PDB file of N, CA and C in Angstrom:
ATOM      1  N   ASP A   1     207.268 127.163  43.140  1.00  0.00           N
ATOM      2  CA  ASP A   1     208.320 128.123  43.460  1.00  0.00           C
ATOM      3  C   ASP A   1     207.786 129.210  44.397  1.00  0.00           C
ATOM      4  N   SER A   2     206.691 129.837  43.991  1.00  0.00           N
ATOM      5  CA  SER A   2     206.138 130.897  44.844  1.00  0.00           C
ATOM      6  C   SER A   2     205.520 130.313  46.110  1.00  0.00           C
ATOM      7  N   ALA A   3     204.999 129.086  46.013  1.00  0.00           N
ATOM      8  CA  ALA A   3     204.417 128.439  47.200  1.00  0.00           C
ATOM      9  C   ALA A   3     205.499 128.181  48.239  1.00  0.00           C
ATOM     10  N   LEU A   4     206.658 127.749  47.789  1.00  0.00           N
ATOM     11  CA  LEU A   4     207.780 127.493  48.696  1.00  0.00           C
ATOM     12  C   LEU A   4     208.231 128.797  49.354  1.00  0.00           C
ATOM     13  N   LYS A   5     208.266 129.857  48.567  1.00  0.00           N
ATOM     14  CA  LYS A   5     208.660 131.164  49.090  1.00  0.00           C
ATOM     15  C   LYS A   5     207.679 131.628  50.169  1.00  0.00           C
ATOM     16  N   ARG A   6     206.374 131.463  49.902  1.00  0.00           N
ATOM     17  CA  ARG A   6     205.354 131.849  50.887  1.00  0.00           C
ATOM     18  C   ARG A   6     205.467 131.005  52.146  1.00  0.00           C
ATOM     19  N   PHE A   7     205.732 129.697  51.958  1.00  0.00           N
ATOM     20  CA  PHE A   7     205.867 128.780  53.093  1.00  0.00           C
ATOM     21  C   PHE A   7     207.049 129.188  53.976  1.00  0.00           C
ATOM     22  N   LYS A   8     208.187 129.478  53.360  1.00  0.00           N
ATOM     23  CA  LYS A   8     209.372 129.891  54.115  1.00  0.00           C
ATOM     24  C   LYS A   8     209.108 131.193  54.868  1.00  0.00           C
ATOM     25  N   LYS A   9     208.424 132.126  54.218  1.00  0.00           N
ATOM     26  CA  LYS A   9     208.117 133.401  54.858  1.00  0.00           C
ATOM     27  C   LYS A   9     207.180 133.189  56.047  1.00  0.00           C
ATOM     28  N   ALA A  10     206.203 132.300  55.884  1.00  0.00           N
ATOM     29  CA  ALA A  10     205.264 132.016  56.974  1.00  0.00           C
ATOM     30  C   ALA A  10     205.993 131.379  58.151  1.00  0.00           C
ATOM     31  N   LEU A  11     206.907 130.457  57.874  1.00  0.00           N
ATOM     32  CA  LEU A  11     207.684 129.830  58.947  1.00  0.00           C
ATOM     33  C   LEU A  11     208.529 130.859  59.679  1.00  0.00           C
ATOM     34  N   GLN A  12     209.107 131.763  58.937  1.00  0.00           N
ATOM     35  CA  GLN A  12     209.958 132.786  59.551  1.00  0.00           C
ATOM     36  C   GLN A  12     209.133 133.716  60.435  1.00  0.00           C
ATOM     37  N   GLN A  13     207.942 134.077  59.985  1.00  0.00           N
ATOM     38  CA  GLN A  13     207.098 134.983  60.764  1.00  0.00           C
ATOM     39  C   GLN A  13     206.607 134.336  62.050  1.00  0.00           C
ATOM     40  N   THR A  14     206.309 133.032  62.008  1.00  0.00           N
ATOM     41  CA  THR A  14     205.815 132.356  63.209  1.00  0.00           C
ATOM     42  C   THR A  14     206.945 132.023  64.169  1.00  0.00           C
ATOM     43  N   GLY A  15     208.184 132.003  63.678  1.00  0.00           N
ATOM     44  CA  GLY A  15     209.323 131.733  64.555  1.00  0.00           C
ATOM     45  C   GLY A  15     209.593 130.258  64.771  1.00  0.00           C
ATOM     46  N   VAL A  16     209.025 129.394  63.951  1.00  0.00           N
ATOM     47  CA  VAL A  16     209.187 127.952  64.107  1.00  0.00           C
ATOM     48  C   VAL A  16     210.640 127.535  63.895  1.00  0.00           C
ATOM     49  N   LEU A  17     211.260 128.051  62.855  1.00  0.00           N
ATOM     50  CA  LEU A  17     212.643 127.663  62.559  1.00  0.00           C
ATOM     51  C   LEU A  17     213.599 128.144  63.641  1.00  0.00           C
ATOM     52  N   LYS A  18     213.376 129.358  64.123  1.00  0.00           N
ATOM     53  CA  LYS A  18     214.236 129.905  65.173  1.00  0.00           C
ATOM     54  C   LYS A  18     214.137 129.046  66.427  1.00  0.00           C
ATOM     55  N   GLU A  19     212.918 128.673  66.763  1.00  0.00           N
ATOM     56  CA  GLU A  19     212.715 127.852  67.956  1.00  0.00           C
ATOM     57  C   GLU A  19     213.357 126.473  67.779  1.00  0.00           C
ATOM     58  N   ALA A  20     213.248 125.905  66.595  1.00  0.00           N
ATOM     59  CA  ALA A  20     213.843 124.593  66.335  1.00  0.00           C
ATOM     60  C   ALA A  20     215.363 124.664  66.472  1.00  0.00           C
ATOM     61  N   ARG A  21     215.958 125.745  65.966  1.00  0.00           N
ATOM     62  CA  ARG A  21     217.409 125.905  66.085  1.00  0.00           C
ATOM     63  C   ARG A  21     217.822 126.059  67.541  1.00  0.00           C
ATOM     64  N   GLU A  22     217.003 126.759  68.319  1.00  0.00           N
ATOM     65  CA  GLU A  22     217.320 126.954  69.736  1.00  0.00           C
ATOM     66  C   GLU A  22     217.292 125.637  70.500  1.00  0.00           C
ATOM     67  N   HIS A  23     216.456 124.700  70.062  1.00  0.00           N
ATOM     68  CA  HIS A  23     216.311 123.432  70.772  1.00  0.00           C
ATOM     69  C   HIS A  23     217.193 122.316  70.212  1.00  0.00           C
ATOM     70  N   GLU A  24     218.057 122.627  69.263  1.00  0.00           N
ATOM     71  CA  GLU A  24     218.939 121.594  68.711  1.00  0.00           C
ATOM     72  C   GLU A  24     219.901 121.066  69.763  1.00  0.00           C
ATOM     73  N   HIS A  25     220.437 121.959  70.583  1.00  0.00           N
ATOM     74  CA  HIS A  25     221.383 121.584  71.630  1.00  0.00           C
ATOM     75  C   HIS A  25     220.948 122.228  72.928  1.00  0.00           C
ATOM     76  N   TYR A  26     221.251 121.559  74.027  1.00  0.00           N
ATOM     77  CA  TYR A  26     220.903 122.105  75.336  1.00  0.00           C
ATOM     78  C   TYR A  26     221.786 123.306  75.637  1.00  0.00           C
ATOM     79  N   GLU A  27     221.171 124.342  76.144  1.00  0.00           N
ATOM     80  CA  GLU A  27     221.914 125.539  76.533  1.00  0.00           C
ATOM     81  C   GLU A  27     221.641 125.794  78.017  1.00  0.00           C
ATOM     82  N   LYS A  28     222.715 125.898  78.782  1.00  0.00           N
ATOM     83  CA  LYS A  28     222.558 126.118  80.219  1.00  0.00           C
ATOM     84  C   LYS A  28     221.861 127.453  80.462  1.00  0.00           C
ATOM     85  N   PRO A  29     221.065 127.522  81.538  1.00  0.00           N
ATOM     86  CA  PRO A  29     220.385 128.781  81.851  1.00  0.00           C
ATOM     87  C   PRO A  29     221.342 129.963  81.990  1.00  0.00           C
ATOM     88  N   SER A  30     222.521 129.720  82.558  1.00  0.00           N
ATOM     89  CA  SER A  30     223.487 130.815  82.711  1.00  0.00           C
ATOM     90  C   SER A  30     223.974 131.296  81.343  1.00  0.00           C
ATOM     91  N   ASP A  31     224.146 130.364  80.404  1.00  0.00           N
ATOM     92  CA  ASP A  31     224.569 130.751  79.058  1.00  0.00           C
ATOM     93  C   ASP A  31     223.461 131.521  78.341  1.00  0.00           C
ATOM     94  N   LYS A  32     222.209 131.085  78.545  1.00  0.00           N
ATOM     95  CA  LYS A  32     221.078 131.793  77.945  1.00  0.00           C
ATOM     96  C   LYS A  32     221.025 133.226  78.457  1.00  0.00           C
ATOM     97  N   ARG A  33     221.206 133.373  79.765  1.00  0.00           N
ATOM     98  CA  ARG A  33     221.147 134.691  80.383  1.00  0.00           C
ATOM     99  C   ARG A  33     222.276 135.580  79.859  1.00  0.00           C
ATOM    100  N   ARG A  34     223.477 135.013  79.764  1.00  0.00           N
ATOM    101  CA  ARG A  34     224.628 135.779  79.271  1.00  0.00           C
ATOM    102  C   ARG A  34     224.392 136.225  77.829  1.00  0.00           C
ATOM    103  N   LYS A  35     223.843 135.327  77.023  1.00  0.00           N
ATOM    104  CA  LYS A  35     223.566 135.631  75.625  1.00  0.00           C
ATOM    105  C   LYS A  35     222.508 136.739  75.508  1.00  0.00           C
ATOM    106  N   ALA A  36     221.473 136.659  76.346  1.00  0.00           N
ATOM    107  CA  ALA A  36     220.415 137.667  76.325  1.00  0.00           C
ATOM    108  C   ALA A  36     220.948 139.029  76.763  1.00  0.00           C
ATOM    109  N   GLU A  37     221.791 139.038  77.788  1.00  0.00           N
ATOM    110  CA  GLU A  37     222.364 140.298  78.260  1.00  0.00           C
ATOM    111  C   GLU A  37     223.254 140.929  77.197  1.00  0.00           C
ATOM    112  N   ALA A  38     224.017 140.107  76.496  1.00  0.00           N
ATOM    113  CA  ALA A  38     224.878 140.619  75.428  1.00  0.00           C
ATOM    114  C   ALA A  38     224.023 141.211  74.305  1.00  0.00           C
ATOM    115  N   ALA A  39     222.913 140.554  73.993  1.00  0.00           N
ATOM    116  CA  ALA A  39     222.023 141.057  72.951  1.00  0.00           C
ATOM    117  C   ALA A  39     221.417 142.398  73.362  1.00  0.00           C
ATOM    118  N   MET A  40     221.049 142.516  74.635  1.00  0.00           N
ATOM    119  CA  MET A  40     220.498 143.786  75.123  1.00  0.00           C
ATOM    120  C   MET A  40     221.535 144.897  75.028  1.00  0.00           C
ATOM    121  N   ARG A  41     222.782 144.573  75.367  1.00  0.00           N
ATOM    122  CA  ARG A  41     223.847 145.577  75.282  1.00  0.00           C
ATOM    123  C   ARG A  41     224.047 146.035  73.840  1.00  0.00           C
ATOM    124  N   ARG A  42     224.067 145.078  72.911  1.00  0.00           N
ATOM    125  CA  ARG A  42     224.229 145.418  71.493  1.00  0.00           C
ATOM    126  C   ARG A  42     223.080 146.304  71.015  1.00  0.00           C
ATOM    127  N   LYS A  43     221.862 145.945  71.424  1.00  0.00           N
ATOM    128  CA  LYS A  43     220.687 146.706  71.015  1.00  0.00           C
ATOM    129  C   LYS A  43     220.738 148.129  71.565  1.00  0.00           C
ATOM    130  N   ALA A  44     221.132 148.268  72.829  1.00  0.00           N
ATOM    131  CA  ALA A  44     221.232 149.592  73.447  1.00  0.00           C
ATOM    132  C   ALA A  44     222.318 150.421  72.766  1.00  0.00           C
ATOM    133  N   LYS A  45     223.398 149.765  72.378  1.00  0.00           N
ATOM    134  CA  LYS A  45     224.503 150.456  71.714  1.00  0.00           C
ATOM    135  C   LYS A  45     224.053 151.000  70.352  1.00  0.00           C
ATOM    136  N   ARG A  46     223.227 150.239  69.654  1.00  0.00           N
ATOM    137  CA  ARG A  46     222.723 150.681  68.354  1.00  0.00           C
ATOM    138  C   ARG A  46     221.810 151.894  68.496  1.00  0.00           C
ATOM    139  N   ARG A  47     221.003 151.904  69.553  1.00  0.00           N
ATOM    140  CA  ARG A  47     220.064 153.011  69.774  1.00  0.00           C
ATOM    141  C   ARG A  47     220.787 154.312  70.089  1.00  0.00           C
ATOM    142  N   ALA A  48     221.895 154.214  70.815  1.00  0.00           N
ATOM    143  CA  ALA A  48     222.607 155.423  71.265  1.00  0.00           C
ATOM    144  C   ALA A  48     223.337 156.117  70.131  1.00  0.00           C
TER     145      ALA A  48
END
């Protein structure tokens, strides 16, 4: 139980799962850029 918890935490910290999810489907470069710009806007809005 605790080993599984540590394993999941380690995967999350290394970013393996996030990267795997990103590569599940092809994303056009323009869509990636639009998504990144939207994330930057949201982040800037939170800071203000």
